Amino acid sequence: MAKYIAKRILLAIVSIWIITMITFFAMNAIPGGPFNKEKATDPAVIKALEERYNLDKPLGEQYTLYMNNLLHGDWGVSLKTGRAIWPDMTSKFSVSAKLGGRAAIIAIIIGIILGAIAALTRNKLPDRLIIFFTTLGTAMPSFVLATLLLLVFCLKLGWFPVFSSSDPNYTLPVIALSVYPMAYITRLTKTSMLDALNQDYVRTARAKGVSKVKVIFLHALRNALIPVITYVGPMVAYILTGSMVVENIFTIGGLGSTFVTSITNRDYTTIMAVTIFLAILMVIANLLTDIVYKMVDPRIKLD
């Protein structure tokens, strides 16, 4: 177990390093510069700005300086505001995490429950209803659902405020973010559950007189969750970062909105910081998924 975890951590570190390298050099390969504007800027001003942010140095030296600062916890400063990126990024991420965390929990719990019910009532009315609505959920993009929820419940019925900076309501954004992963987890759980219920060890447990509850939850569901765990890790990382479009539709100032704004403003340092931060979250989520995967099924090995 310890050897497996050590290998996965090493692979995670290498993955993060490769991502930072690709992100840095890709941003520097983009034509133009962060200080280019519609109106011509004095070349002396541009030169002074480039010297201030070390953009006048060779590319290799810029990368070395950037990585050295990053390893010391310095994510740089915004090229547009001049403020440190880390405090602003963490404050915006707290909003996205609050939104995404609730959506992830709802999607996982309801998805597993509905998937198990659908498997146990195969080809019956509950199964058909669940599959019908989950098919709609997987077919409808989150931004379309978010727009419909905003139109119906905010503008037409007036049950929820469109936006409140002092007391924002997360109900509709959480629903918009959780429907697709919940539907996907439901279908995945059903498929895995049906496969597990037809395995020999389940038949053996039933033949030994093990109660139906223990057969379902102790034997079948535990093994059926292995594919679900594989999907849940990256899904949680994706949801925690918040959906850029959903955040913009409900005017929630999360990390997604910051990322979109930084692209519009050509704020290269912020773009790199947010990209690397989200990539680290994804790598960590995959790392934790692999560890949980190993705990659920000790037979898994890393070649």
Foldseek 3Di string as FASTA:
>chain_A
DVVQLVVLVVVLVVVLVVLLVCLLVVLVPDPDALPDDPDDDDPVVVVVLCVVQVVVDDSVVNSVVCVVCVVVVQLDAWSVPRHGQVVVQVVQLVLLQVLLVLLLVVLQVLLLVLLLVLQVQPPDDSVVVLLVQLVVLQVDQLLNQLVVCCCPCCVPVNVADLADPVDGDSVSLSCSLNSNSSSVSSNLLNVQLNVQCPDPVLVVCVVVVNDPVCSRPVGRNLRSCLVVLQVSLLSSLVSSQPDLSSCVSSVPSHNSVVLVVCVVSVRSSNVSSSSSVSSSSSSVSNSVSVVVSCVSPVVDHDD
